[in-house]
N, C-alpha and C. Protein backbone atom coordinates (compact mmCIF):
# COMPACT_ATOMS: atom_id res chain seq x y z
N MET A 1 -7.85 -57.15 -13.63
CA MET A 1 -7.25 -55.91 -13.25
C MET A 1 -6.28 -55.47 -14.34
N LYS A 2 -6.33 -54.19 -14.66
CA LYS A 2 -5.51 -53.66 -15.73
C LYS A 2 -4.14 -53.26 -15.20
N LYS A 3 -3.10 -53.64 -15.92
CA LYS A 3 -1.74 -53.32 -15.52
C LYS A 3 -1.35 -51.96 -16.08
N ILE A 4 -0.76 -51.11 -15.20
CA ILE A 4 -0.32 -49.78 -15.63
C ILE A 4 1.15 -49.87 -16.03
N THR A 5 1.44 -49.39 -17.21
CA THR A 5 2.81 -49.46 -17.69
C THR A 5 3.62 -48.29 -17.15
N GLY A 6 4.94 -48.43 -17.23
CA GLY A 6 5.85 -47.36 -16.79
C GLY A 6 5.64 -46.08 -17.57
N VAL A 7 5.28 -46.21 -18.86
CA VAL A 7 5.05 -45.04 -19.70
C VAL A 7 3.84 -44.26 -19.21
N ALA A 8 2.78 -44.97 -18.86
CA ALA A 8 1.55 -44.33 -18.39
C ALA A 8 1.81 -43.60 -17.07
N VAL A 9 2.56 -44.24 -16.17
CA VAL A 9 2.89 -43.61 -14.88
C VAL A 9 3.73 -42.37 -15.12
N SER A 10 4.73 -42.47 -16.01
CA SER A 10 5.60 -41.33 -16.30
C SER A 10 4.81 -40.17 -16.88
N ALA A 11 3.87 -40.45 -17.76
CA ALA A 11 3.05 -39.39 -18.36
C ALA A 11 2.18 -38.72 -17.30
N THR A 12 1.63 -39.52 -16.38
CA THR A 12 0.79 -38.98 -15.31
C THR A 12 1.63 -38.09 -14.38
N VAL A 13 2.80 -38.54 -14.02
CA VAL A 13 3.69 -37.76 -13.16
C VAL A 13 4.10 -36.47 -13.87
N ALA A 14 4.44 -36.56 -15.13
CA ALA A 14 4.83 -35.37 -15.90
C ALA A 14 3.69 -34.36 -15.96
N ALA A 15 2.47 -34.84 -16.16
CA ALA A 15 1.31 -33.95 -16.20
C ALA A 15 1.12 -33.26 -14.85
N ALA A 16 1.30 -34.02 -13.76
CA ALA A 16 1.15 -33.44 -12.42
C ALA A 16 2.23 -32.39 -12.17
N VAL A 17 3.46 -32.66 -12.59
CA VAL A 17 4.56 -31.69 -12.42
C VAL A 17 4.28 -30.43 -13.22
N LEU A 18 3.82 -30.58 -14.46
CA LEU A 18 3.48 -29.41 -15.28
C LEU A 18 2.35 -28.60 -14.67
N ALA A 19 1.35 -29.27 -14.15
CA ALA A 19 0.22 -28.58 -13.51
C ALA A 19 0.70 -27.80 -12.29
N ALA A 20 1.55 -28.42 -11.48
CA ALA A 20 2.08 -27.74 -10.29
C ALA A 20 2.93 -26.53 -10.69
N ALA A 21 3.76 -26.69 -11.70
CA ALA A 21 4.59 -25.57 -12.17
C ALA A 21 3.72 -24.45 -12.71
N SER A 22 2.67 -24.82 -13.42
CA SER A 22 1.75 -23.83 -13.97
C SER A 22 1.08 -23.03 -12.85
N CYS A 23 0.65 -23.72 -11.79
CA CYS A 23 0.02 -23.04 -10.64
C CYS A 23 1.02 -22.10 -9.96
N THR A 24 2.26 -22.56 -9.82
CA THR A 24 3.30 -21.73 -9.20
C THR A 24 3.54 -20.48 -10.05
N ASN A 25 3.61 -20.67 -11.37
CA ASN A 25 3.82 -19.52 -12.26
C ASN A 25 2.65 -18.55 -12.19
N LEU A 26 1.43 -19.06 -12.13
CA LEU A 26 0.26 -18.20 -12.03
C LEU A 26 0.27 -17.43 -10.71
N ARG A 27 0.61 -18.10 -9.61
CA ARG A 27 0.67 -17.44 -8.30
C ARG A 27 1.74 -16.35 -8.30
N THR A 28 2.90 -16.65 -8.87
CA THR A 28 3.98 -15.67 -8.96
C THR A 28 3.56 -14.48 -9.80
N ALA A 29 2.89 -14.74 -10.92
CA ALA A 29 2.42 -13.65 -11.79
C ALA A 29 1.37 -12.80 -11.07
N LYS A 30 0.48 -13.43 -10.32
CA LYS A 30 -0.55 -12.69 -9.58
C LYS A 30 0.08 -11.82 -8.50
N ILE A 31 1.05 -12.35 -7.77
CA ILE A 31 1.76 -11.57 -6.75
C ILE A 31 2.46 -10.38 -7.39
N SER A 32 3.13 -10.61 -8.52
CA SER A 32 3.82 -9.51 -9.22
C SER A 32 2.84 -8.44 -9.66
N ALA A 33 1.69 -8.85 -10.17
CA ALA A 33 0.67 -7.88 -10.60
C ALA A 33 0.12 -7.11 -9.40
N ASN A 34 -0.12 -7.79 -8.29
CA ASN A 34 -0.60 -7.12 -7.08
C ASN A 34 0.42 -6.09 -6.58
N GLU A 35 1.69 -6.47 -6.59
CA GLU A 35 2.75 -5.57 -6.12
C GLU A 35 2.86 -4.34 -7.04
N ALA A 36 2.77 -4.56 -8.34
CA ALA A 36 2.81 -3.43 -9.28
C ALA A 36 1.62 -2.50 -9.04
N SER A 37 0.45 -3.07 -8.80
CA SER A 37 -0.74 -2.27 -8.52
C SER A 37 -0.56 -1.46 -7.24
N ALA A 38 0.02 -2.07 -6.21
CA ALA A 38 0.24 -1.38 -4.94
C ALA A 38 1.15 -0.16 -5.14
N LYS A 39 2.19 -0.32 -5.96
CA LYS A 39 3.10 0.81 -6.21
C LYS A 39 2.40 1.92 -6.99
N VAL A 40 1.55 1.55 -7.94
CA VAL A 40 0.76 2.56 -8.67
C VAL A 40 -0.14 3.31 -7.69
N CYS A 41 -0.77 2.57 -6.78
CA CYS A 41 -1.64 3.20 -5.78
C CYS A 41 -0.87 4.20 -4.91
N LEU A 42 0.37 3.86 -4.56
CA LEU A 42 1.17 4.79 -3.76
C LEU A 42 1.44 6.08 -4.52
N LYS A 43 1.71 5.97 -5.81
CA LYS A 43 1.93 7.18 -6.63
C LYS A 43 0.63 7.99 -6.75
N ILE A 44 -0.49 7.30 -6.92
CA ILE A 44 -1.79 7.99 -6.98
C ILE A 44 -2.06 8.70 -5.66
N TYR A 45 -1.78 8.02 -4.56
CA TYR A 45 -1.95 8.61 -3.22
C TYR A 45 -1.17 9.93 -3.11
N LEU A 46 0.09 9.90 -3.50
CA LEU A 46 0.92 11.10 -3.36
C LEU A 46 0.41 12.23 -4.25
N SER A 47 0.01 11.91 -5.47
CA SER A 47 -0.56 12.92 -6.37
C SER A 47 -1.85 13.50 -5.77
N ALA A 48 -2.70 12.63 -5.23
CA ALA A 48 -3.95 13.08 -4.61
C ALA A 48 -3.67 13.95 -3.39
N GLN A 49 -2.68 13.58 -2.62
CA GLN A 49 -2.32 14.38 -1.44
C GLN A 49 -1.87 15.79 -1.86
N ASN A 50 -1.08 15.89 -2.91
CA ASN A 50 -0.63 17.20 -3.37
C ASN A 50 -1.80 18.04 -3.87
N THR A 51 -2.75 17.41 -4.55
CA THR A 51 -3.94 18.12 -5.00
C THR A 51 -4.78 18.55 -3.80
N PHE A 52 -4.98 17.66 -2.84
CA PHE A 52 -5.74 17.96 -1.63
C PHE A 52 -5.14 19.16 -0.92
N ARG A 53 -3.84 19.18 -0.81
CA ARG A 53 -3.14 20.28 -0.12
C ARG A 53 -3.38 21.60 -0.86
N ARG A 54 -3.28 21.59 -2.17
CA ARG A 54 -3.49 22.82 -2.95
C ARG A 54 -4.92 23.34 -2.82
N MET A 55 -5.88 22.43 -2.61
CA MET A 55 -7.29 22.81 -2.55
C MET A 55 -7.65 23.53 -1.24
N ASP A 56 -6.84 23.39 -0.20
CA ASP A 56 -7.12 24.01 1.11
C ASP A 56 -8.59 23.75 1.50
N GLN A 57 -8.91 22.49 1.70
CA GLN A 57 -10.28 22.05 1.93
C GLN A 57 -11.02 22.80 3.03
N ASP A 58 -10.34 23.12 4.12
CA ASP A 58 -11.03 23.81 5.22
C ASP A 58 -10.95 25.34 5.10
N GLU A 59 -10.36 25.80 3.99
CA GLU A 59 -10.27 27.24 3.67
C GLU A 59 -9.77 28.10 4.83
N ASP A 60 -8.74 27.59 5.52
CA ASP A 60 -8.16 28.34 6.63
C ASP A 60 -6.84 29.01 6.25
N GLY A 61 -6.46 28.90 4.98
CA GLY A 61 -5.21 29.48 4.52
C GLY A 61 -4.00 28.61 4.82
N MET A 62 -4.22 27.54 5.57
CA MET A 62 -3.15 26.60 5.91
C MET A 62 -3.38 25.37 5.03
N ARG A 63 -2.46 25.10 4.16
CA ARG A 63 -2.62 23.99 3.22
C ARG A 63 -2.07 22.71 3.84
N GLU A 64 -2.98 21.81 4.18
CA GLU A 64 -2.60 20.56 4.84
C GLU A 64 -2.81 19.37 3.92
N PHE A 65 -2.01 18.34 4.18
CA PHE A 65 -2.25 17.03 3.57
C PHE A 65 -3.33 16.34 4.39
N ALA A 66 -4.05 15.44 3.79
CA ALA A 66 -5.05 14.66 4.52
C ALA A 66 -4.34 13.72 5.49
N ALA A 67 -4.82 13.67 6.73
CA ALA A 67 -4.23 12.78 7.73
C ALA A 67 -4.72 11.35 7.56
N ASP A 68 -5.81 11.17 6.83
CA ASP A 68 -6.39 9.85 6.61
C ASP A 68 -6.65 9.70 5.12
N MET A 69 -6.17 8.62 4.55
CA MET A 69 -6.30 8.40 3.11
C MET A 69 -7.75 8.48 2.63
N LYS A 70 -8.68 8.04 3.46
CA LYS A 70 -10.10 8.06 3.05
C LYS A 70 -10.59 9.48 2.75
N GLU A 71 -9.97 10.49 3.38
CA GLU A 71 -10.36 11.88 3.12
C GLU A 71 -10.14 12.25 1.65
N LEU A 72 -9.22 11.58 1.00
CA LEU A 72 -8.92 11.87 -0.40
C LEU A 72 -10.06 11.45 -1.33
N TYR A 73 -10.97 10.67 -0.82
CA TYR A 73 -12.16 10.30 -1.57
C TYR A 73 -13.41 10.97 -0.99
N HIS A 74 -13.59 10.85 0.32
CA HIS A 74 -14.86 11.19 0.95
C HIS A 74 -15.04 12.66 1.33
N THR A 75 -13.97 13.46 1.36
CA THR A 75 -14.14 14.87 1.73
C THR A 75 -15.12 15.52 0.76
N GLN A 76 -16.06 16.24 1.33
CA GLN A 76 -17.11 16.87 0.52
C GLN A 76 -16.70 18.25 0.02
N GLN A 77 -17.01 18.54 -1.22
CA GLN A 77 -16.86 19.87 -1.79
C GLN A 77 -18.17 20.15 -2.53
N ASN A 78 -18.88 21.17 -2.08
CA ASN A 78 -20.20 21.48 -2.63
C ASN A 78 -21.14 20.28 -2.53
N GLY A 79 -21.03 19.54 -1.42
CA GLY A 79 -21.92 18.41 -1.18
C GLY A 79 -21.61 17.15 -1.95
N VAL A 80 -20.46 17.12 -2.63
CA VAL A 80 -20.08 15.97 -3.45
C VAL A 80 -18.68 15.51 -3.03
N PRO A 81 -18.46 14.18 -2.90
CA PRO A 81 -17.11 13.70 -2.57
C PRO A 81 -16.09 14.15 -3.63
N ILE A 82 -14.88 14.51 -3.17
CA ILE A 82 -13.87 15.03 -4.11
C ILE A 82 -13.25 13.93 -4.97
N LYS A 83 -13.25 12.70 -4.52
CA LYS A 83 -12.81 11.53 -5.28
C LYS A 83 -11.43 11.71 -5.94
N LEU A 84 -10.44 12.12 -5.14
CA LEU A 84 -9.08 12.23 -5.67
C LEU A 84 -8.43 10.86 -5.84
N ILE A 85 -8.98 9.86 -5.16
CA ILE A 85 -8.59 8.46 -5.36
C ILE A 85 -9.89 7.70 -5.63
N ASP A 86 -9.78 6.46 -6.09
CA ASP A 86 -11.02 5.71 -6.33
C ASP A 86 -11.51 5.07 -5.03
N LEU A 87 -12.78 4.71 -5.04
CA LEU A 87 -13.43 4.17 -3.84
C LEU A 87 -12.76 2.87 -3.38
N SER A 88 -12.34 2.03 -4.31
CA SER A 88 -11.71 0.77 -3.91
C SER A 88 -10.40 1.03 -3.16
N MET A 89 -9.70 2.06 -3.52
CA MET A 89 -8.47 2.42 -2.81
C MET A 89 -8.82 2.98 -1.42
N ALA A 90 -9.82 3.85 -1.35
CA ALA A 90 -10.24 4.39 -0.06
C ALA A 90 -10.69 3.28 0.88
N ASN A 91 -11.39 2.30 0.35
CA ASN A 91 -11.89 1.19 1.17
C ASN A 91 -10.80 0.21 1.57
N ALA A 92 -9.63 0.30 0.94
CA ALA A 92 -8.50 -0.56 1.29
C ALA A 92 -7.67 0.04 2.43
N ASP A 93 -8.08 1.22 2.92
CA ASP A 93 -7.43 1.81 4.09
C ASP A 93 -7.69 0.87 5.25
N ASP A 94 -6.65 0.45 5.95
CA ASP A 94 -6.82 -0.64 6.92
C ASP A 94 -7.62 -0.29 8.16
N ASP A 95 -8.01 0.97 8.31
CA ASP A 95 -8.91 1.27 9.43
C ASP A 95 -10.36 1.31 8.96
N GLY A 96 -10.60 0.78 7.77
CA GLY A 96 -11.97 0.62 7.28
C GLY A 96 -12.43 1.79 6.42
N GLY A 97 -13.40 1.53 5.60
CA GLY A 97 -13.95 2.55 4.72
C GLY A 97 -15.34 2.95 5.16
N GLN A 98 -15.50 4.17 5.60
CA GLN A 98 -16.80 4.70 6.03
C GLN A 98 -17.49 3.74 6.99
N GLY A 99 -16.75 3.29 8.00
CA GLY A 99 -17.32 2.43 9.03
C GLY A 99 -17.31 0.95 8.69
N ALA A 100 -16.94 0.59 7.49
CA ALA A 100 -16.91 -0.82 7.09
C ALA A 100 -15.52 -1.39 7.31
N ALA A 101 -15.43 -2.70 7.31
CA ALA A 101 -14.12 -3.36 7.39
C ALA A 101 -13.36 -3.06 6.11
N PRO A 102 -12.03 -3.00 6.18
CA PRO A 102 -11.27 -2.74 4.96
C PRO A 102 -11.41 -3.87 3.95
N ALA A 103 -11.33 -3.52 2.68
CA ALA A 103 -11.37 -4.49 1.59
C ALA A 103 -10.12 -4.28 0.74
N ALA A 104 -9.25 -5.26 0.70
CA ALA A 104 -7.99 -5.14 -0.02
C ALA A 104 -8.23 -4.76 -1.48
N LYS A 105 -7.33 -3.94 -1.99
CA LYS A 105 -7.35 -3.59 -3.42
C LYS A 105 -6.22 -4.39 -4.06
N ASN A 106 -6.58 -5.30 -4.94
CA ASN A 106 -5.61 -6.16 -5.61
C ASN A 106 -4.64 -6.79 -4.61
N GLY A 107 -5.20 -7.30 -3.52
CA GLY A 107 -4.42 -8.04 -2.54
C GLY A 107 -3.66 -7.20 -1.54
N TYR A 108 -3.80 -5.87 -1.59
CA TYR A 108 -3.05 -4.99 -0.69
C TYR A 108 -3.97 -4.11 0.14
N LEU A 109 -3.52 -3.83 1.36
CA LEU A 109 -4.16 -2.87 2.25
C LEU A 109 -3.20 -1.69 2.43
N PHE A 110 -3.74 -0.56 2.85
CA PHE A 110 -2.94 0.65 3.02
C PHE A 110 -3.08 1.16 4.45
N HIS A 111 -2.00 1.74 4.95
CA HIS A 111 -1.97 2.25 6.32
C HIS A 111 -1.39 3.66 6.31
N ASP A 112 -2.18 4.61 6.84
CA ASP A 112 -1.72 6.00 6.93
C ASP A 112 -0.57 6.10 7.93
N LEU A 113 0.49 6.77 7.53
CA LEU A 113 1.62 6.99 8.44
C LEU A 113 1.41 8.34 9.13
N LYS A 114 1.77 8.40 10.41
CA LYS A 114 1.55 9.63 11.17
C LYS A 114 2.84 10.35 11.51
N GLY A 115 3.95 9.83 11.04
CA GLY A 115 5.22 10.46 11.32
C GLY A 115 6.34 9.74 10.60
N ALA A 116 7.57 10.12 10.97
CA ALA A 116 8.75 9.53 10.33
C ALA A 116 9.81 9.27 11.40
N VAL A 117 10.68 8.30 11.11
CA VAL A 117 11.81 8.02 11.98
C VAL A 117 12.94 8.97 11.59
N ARG A 118 13.39 9.74 12.58
CA ARG A 118 14.51 10.66 12.36
C ARG A 118 15.51 10.49 13.49
N ASP A 119 16.76 10.28 13.13
CA ASP A 119 17.81 10.06 14.13
C ASP A 119 17.41 8.99 15.13
N GLY A 120 16.76 7.93 14.63
CA GLY A 120 16.39 6.81 15.47
C GLY A 120 15.16 7.02 16.34
N LYS A 121 14.49 8.18 16.21
CA LYS A 121 13.32 8.47 17.03
C LYS A 121 12.09 8.65 16.15
N ASN A 122 10.94 8.22 16.66
CA ASN A 122 9.67 8.44 15.97
C ASN A 122 9.22 9.87 16.21
N GLU A 123 9.03 10.62 15.10
CA GLU A 123 8.55 12.00 15.20
C GLU A 123 7.26 12.12 14.42
N ASP A 124 6.23 12.65 15.06
CA ASP A 124 4.95 12.85 14.38
C ASP A 124 5.09 13.90 13.30
N PHE A 125 4.30 13.74 12.21
CA PHE A 125 4.25 14.78 11.20
C PHE A 125 3.66 16.03 11.85
N GLU A 126 4.15 17.16 11.44
CA GLU A 126 3.71 18.43 12.02
C GLU A 126 2.25 18.71 11.66
N VAL A 127 1.49 19.14 12.65
CA VAL A 127 0.10 19.54 12.43
C VAL A 127 0.00 21.04 12.69
N SER A 128 -1.03 21.66 12.14
CA SER A 128 -1.16 23.11 12.27
C SER A 128 -1.50 23.51 13.70
N ASP A 129 -1.15 24.73 14.06
CA ASP A 129 -1.38 25.25 15.40
C ASP A 129 -2.86 25.37 15.75
N ASP A 130 -3.72 25.49 14.74
CA ASP A 130 -5.15 25.68 15.03
C ASP A 130 -5.88 24.37 15.32
N GLY A 131 -5.13 23.26 15.37
CA GLY A 131 -5.74 21.99 15.75
C GLY A 131 -6.40 21.22 14.63
N THR A 132 -6.32 21.70 13.38
CA THR A 132 -6.89 20.92 12.29
C THR A 132 -6.14 19.60 12.18
N LYS A 133 -6.77 18.61 11.59
CA LYS A 133 -6.18 17.28 11.63
C LYS A 133 -5.22 16.96 10.51
N GLY A 134 -5.01 17.85 9.57
CA GLY A 134 -4.11 17.57 8.46
C GLY A 134 -2.65 17.81 8.80
N TYR A 135 -1.77 17.22 7.99
CA TYR A 135 -0.33 17.39 8.16
C TYR A 135 0.15 18.54 7.29
N ILE A 136 1.03 19.37 7.82
CA ILE A 136 1.45 20.58 7.12
C ILE A 136 2.53 20.30 6.07
N VAL A 137 3.58 19.60 6.44
CA VAL A 137 4.75 19.49 5.58
C VAL A 137 4.89 18.12 4.93
N GLU A 138 4.42 17.08 5.58
CA GLU A 138 4.69 15.73 5.11
C GLU A 138 3.45 14.84 5.16
N CYS A 139 3.56 13.73 4.48
CA CYS A 139 2.56 12.67 4.56
C CYS A 139 3.27 11.38 4.14
N GLY A 140 2.65 10.26 4.39
CA GLY A 140 3.25 9.00 3.99
C GLY A 140 2.24 7.87 4.07
N LEU A 141 2.51 6.81 3.33
CA LEU A 141 1.59 5.69 3.26
C LEU A 141 2.37 4.38 3.16
N LEU A 142 1.84 3.37 3.82
CA LEU A 142 2.36 2.01 3.77
C LEU A 142 1.39 1.15 2.98
N ALA A 143 1.90 0.31 2.09
CA ALA A 143 1.10 -0.70 1.39
C ALA A 143 1.64 -2.06 1.81
N TYR A 144 0.73 -2.94 2.27
CA TYR A 144 1.18 -4.26 2.70
C TYR A 144 0.18 -5.31 2.23
N PRO A 145 0.68 -6.54 1.96
CA PRO A 145 -0.21 -7.58 1.43
C PRO A 145 -1.23 -8.03 2.48
N GLU A 146 -2.45 -8.24 2.00
CA GLU A 146 -3.50 -8.74 2.88
C GLU A 146 -3.11 -10.10 3.46
N ILE A 147 -2.54 -10.96 2.62
CA ILE A 147 -2.07 -12.27 3.05
C ILE A 147 -0.63 -12.41 2.56
N PRO A 148 0.36 -12.09 3.42
CA PRO A 148 1.76 -12.16 2.99
C PRO A 148 2.10 -13.53 2.41
N GLY A 149 2.80 -13.49 1.28
CA GLY A 149 3.19 -14.72 0.60
C GLY A 149 2.15 -15.22 -0.38
N LYS A 150 0.90 -14.79 -0.21
CA LYS A 150 -0.16 -15.24 -1.10
C LYS A 150 -0.66 -14.10 -1.99
N THR A 151 -0.90 -12.91 -1.41
CA THR A 151 -1.36 -11.78 -2.23
C THR A 151 -0.22 -10.81 -2.52
N GLY A 152 0.91 -10.99 -1.88
CA GLY A 152 2.07 -10.14 -2.11
C GLY A 152 3.22 -10.62 -1.24
N SER A 153 4.44 -10.34 -1.67
CA SER A 153 5.60 -10.77 -0.89
C SER A 153 6.40 -9.58 -0.36
N LYS A 154 5.96 -8.35 -0.68
CA LYS A 154 6.70 -7.16 -0.26
C LYS A 154 5.76 -6.14 0.36
N VAL A 155 6.33 -5.30 1.24
CA VAL A 155 5.65 -4.11 1.73
C VAL A 155 6.32 -2.92 1.06
N PHE A 156 5.55 -1.84 0.89
CA PHE A 156 6.05 -0.65 0.23
C PHE A 156 5.69 0.58 1.05
N VAL A 157 6.55 1.60 1.02
CA VAL A 157 6.24 2.88 1.65
C VAL A 157 6.57 4.00 0.67
N ILE A 158 5.85 5.10 0.86
CA ILE A 158 6.14 6.32 0.10
C ILE A 158 6.00 7.50 1.05
N GLY A 159 6.87 8.47 0.87
CA GLY A 159 6.80 9.72 1.62
C GLY A 159 6.68 10.87 0.63
N ILE A 160 6.76 12.07 1.15
CA ILE A 160 6.52 13.27 0.34
C ILE A 160 7.51 13.42 -0.81
N GLU A 161 8.71 12.86 -0.68
CA GLU A 161 9.70 13.00 -1.76
C GLU A 161 9.34 12.16 -2.97
N GLY A 162 8.43 11.18 -2.81
CA GLY A 162 7.93 10.42 -3.96
C GLY A 162 8.66 9.14 -4.30
N THR A 163 9.68 8.79 -3.55
CA THR A 163 10.40 7.55 -3.81
C THR A 163 9.68 6.40 -3.09
N ILE A 164 9.48 5.31 -3.80
CA ILE A 164 8.89 4.12 -3.19
C ILE A 164 10.02 3.20 -2.74
N TYR A 165 9.91 2.76 -1.49
CA TYR A 165 10.87 1.81 -0.93
C TYR A 165 10.14 0.51 -0.64
N GLU A 166 10.87 -0.60 -0.69
CA GLU A 166 10.27 -1.90 -0.47
C GLU A 166 11.12 -2.74 0.48
N LYS A 167 10.44 -3.75 1.02
CA LYS A 167 11.08 -4.68 1.94
C LYS A 167 10.26 -5.96 1.91
N SER A 168 10.87 -7.08 2.22
CA SER A 168 10.14 -8.34 2.31
C SER A 168 9.00 -8.19 3.32
N ALA A 169 7.86 -8.73 2.99
CA ALA A 169 6.70 -8.64 3.89
C ALA A 169 6.79 -9.63 5.04
N GLU A 170 7.71 -10.55 4.98
CA GLU A 170 7.81 -11.58 6.00
C GLU A 170 8.02 -10.96 7.39
N GLY A 171 7.07 -11.20 8.27
CA GLY A 171 7.17 -10.74 9.65
C GLY A 171 6.87 -9.26 9.87
N VAL A 172 6.53 -8.51 8.82
CA VAL A 172 6.28 -7.08 8.96
C VAL A 172 4.80 -6.84 9.26
N LYS A 173 4.54 -6.12 10.32
CA LYS A 173 3.18 -5.72 10.69
C LYS A 173 3.03 -4.23 10.37
N PRO A 174 1.80 -3.74 10.17
CA PRO A 174 1.62 -2.31 9.91
C PRO A 174 2.27 -1.46 11.01
N PHE A 175 2.85 -0.36 10.60
CA PHE A 175 3.53 0.55 11.53
C PHE A 175 3.11 1.97 11.20
N ASP A 176 3.37 2.90 12.13
CA ASP A 176 2.88 4.27 12.00
C ASP A 176 3.92 5.29 11.53
N TYR A 177 5.19 4.92 11.52
CA TYR A 177 6.23 5.90 11.21
C TYR A 177 7.02 5.50 9.98
N LEU A 178 7.15 6.43 9.05
CA LEU A 178 7.92 6.22 7.83
C LEU A 178 9.35 5.87 8.24
N PRO A 179 9.84 4.70 7.86
CA PRO A 179 11.19 4.31 8.28
C PRO A 179 12.26 5.17 7.63
N ASP A 180 13.44 5.16 8.25
CA ASP A 180 14.59 5.82 7.66
C ASP A 180 15.14 4.88 6.59
N CYS A 181 14.59 5.00 5.40
CA CYS A 181 14.93 4.08 4.31
C CYS A 181 16.35 4.28 3.79
N GLN A 182 16.97 5.41 4.14
CA GLN A 182 18.35 5.68 3.72
C GLN A 182 19.34 4.86 4.55
N ASP A 183 18.91 4.38 5.70
CA ASP A 183 19.77 3.59 6.58
C ASP A 183 19.84 2.16 6.04
N PRO A 184 21.02 1.73 5.57
CA PRO A 184 21.13 0.38 5.01
C PRO A 184 20.72 -0.71 6.00
N ALA A 185 20.89 -0.46 7.29
CA ALA A 185 20.53 -1.45 8.31
C ALA A 185 19.02 -1.65 8.40
N SER A 186 18.23 -0.72 7.85
CA SER A 186 16.78 -0.80 7.95
C SER A 186 16.21 -1.93 7.08
N GLY A 187 16.96 -2.34 6.06
CA GLY A 187 16.48 -3.39 5.16
C GLY A 187 15.62 -2.87 4.01
N TRP A 188 15.32 -1.58 4.01
CA TRP A 188 14.51 -0.99 2.94
C TRP A 188 15.41 -0.68 1.75
N VAL A 189 14.91 -0.96 0.56
CA VAL A 189 15.63 -0.62 -0.68
C VAL A 189 14.69 0.14 -1.60
N MET A 190 15.28 0.95 -2.47
CA MET A 190 14.48 1.68 -3.44
C MET A 190 13.83 0.67 -4.39
N SER A 191 12.55 0.83 -4.60
CA SER A 191 11.81 -0.06 -5.47
C SER A 191 11.95 0.40 -6.92
N GLU A 192 11.92 -0.57 -7.84
CA GLU A 192 11.89 -0.19 -9.24
C GLU A 192 10.57 0.52 -9.50
N GLN A 193 10.64 1.66 -10.09
CA GLN A 193 9.44 2.49 -10.28
C GLN A 193 8.70 2.07 -11.49
């Protein structure tokens, strides 16, 4: 039987520690890249929403934002999808893409917001009087990690003003109302853009 020296054991332990540190660094880098991608997607969403509104898709003279993020890709114009966002982003909408289950984009899913918290109350975004499904004045989107702690450690929101806010993803489930991010008690902080 071969005797293992202290030097050999130390080298093996050192290699294992370096490998573990390397994996941790790679995981941290991947999470950071996913989070940066999610913030870019939120900016793309807002730009697409502004374009969608200017286009007046239903030609009723009332310029609405899309109530569902997938409309920013799939809405037809002259028989062709408008593609204001890419298909992978549309398919990351958490209510599924064209009948399919959602597929995370760079570790993140997106959730359409239907209103905002004002004075502590949930208020729906205003819709037009003619019953169309778009929002007249506001829109908002939530980005959250598909697997908190593994694909991302933060959730992000954006509203019509264009500021991205973030919060730890720990314990946060998708929600429908844009939080009052100005309230320090909410835990939301302005994200580095």
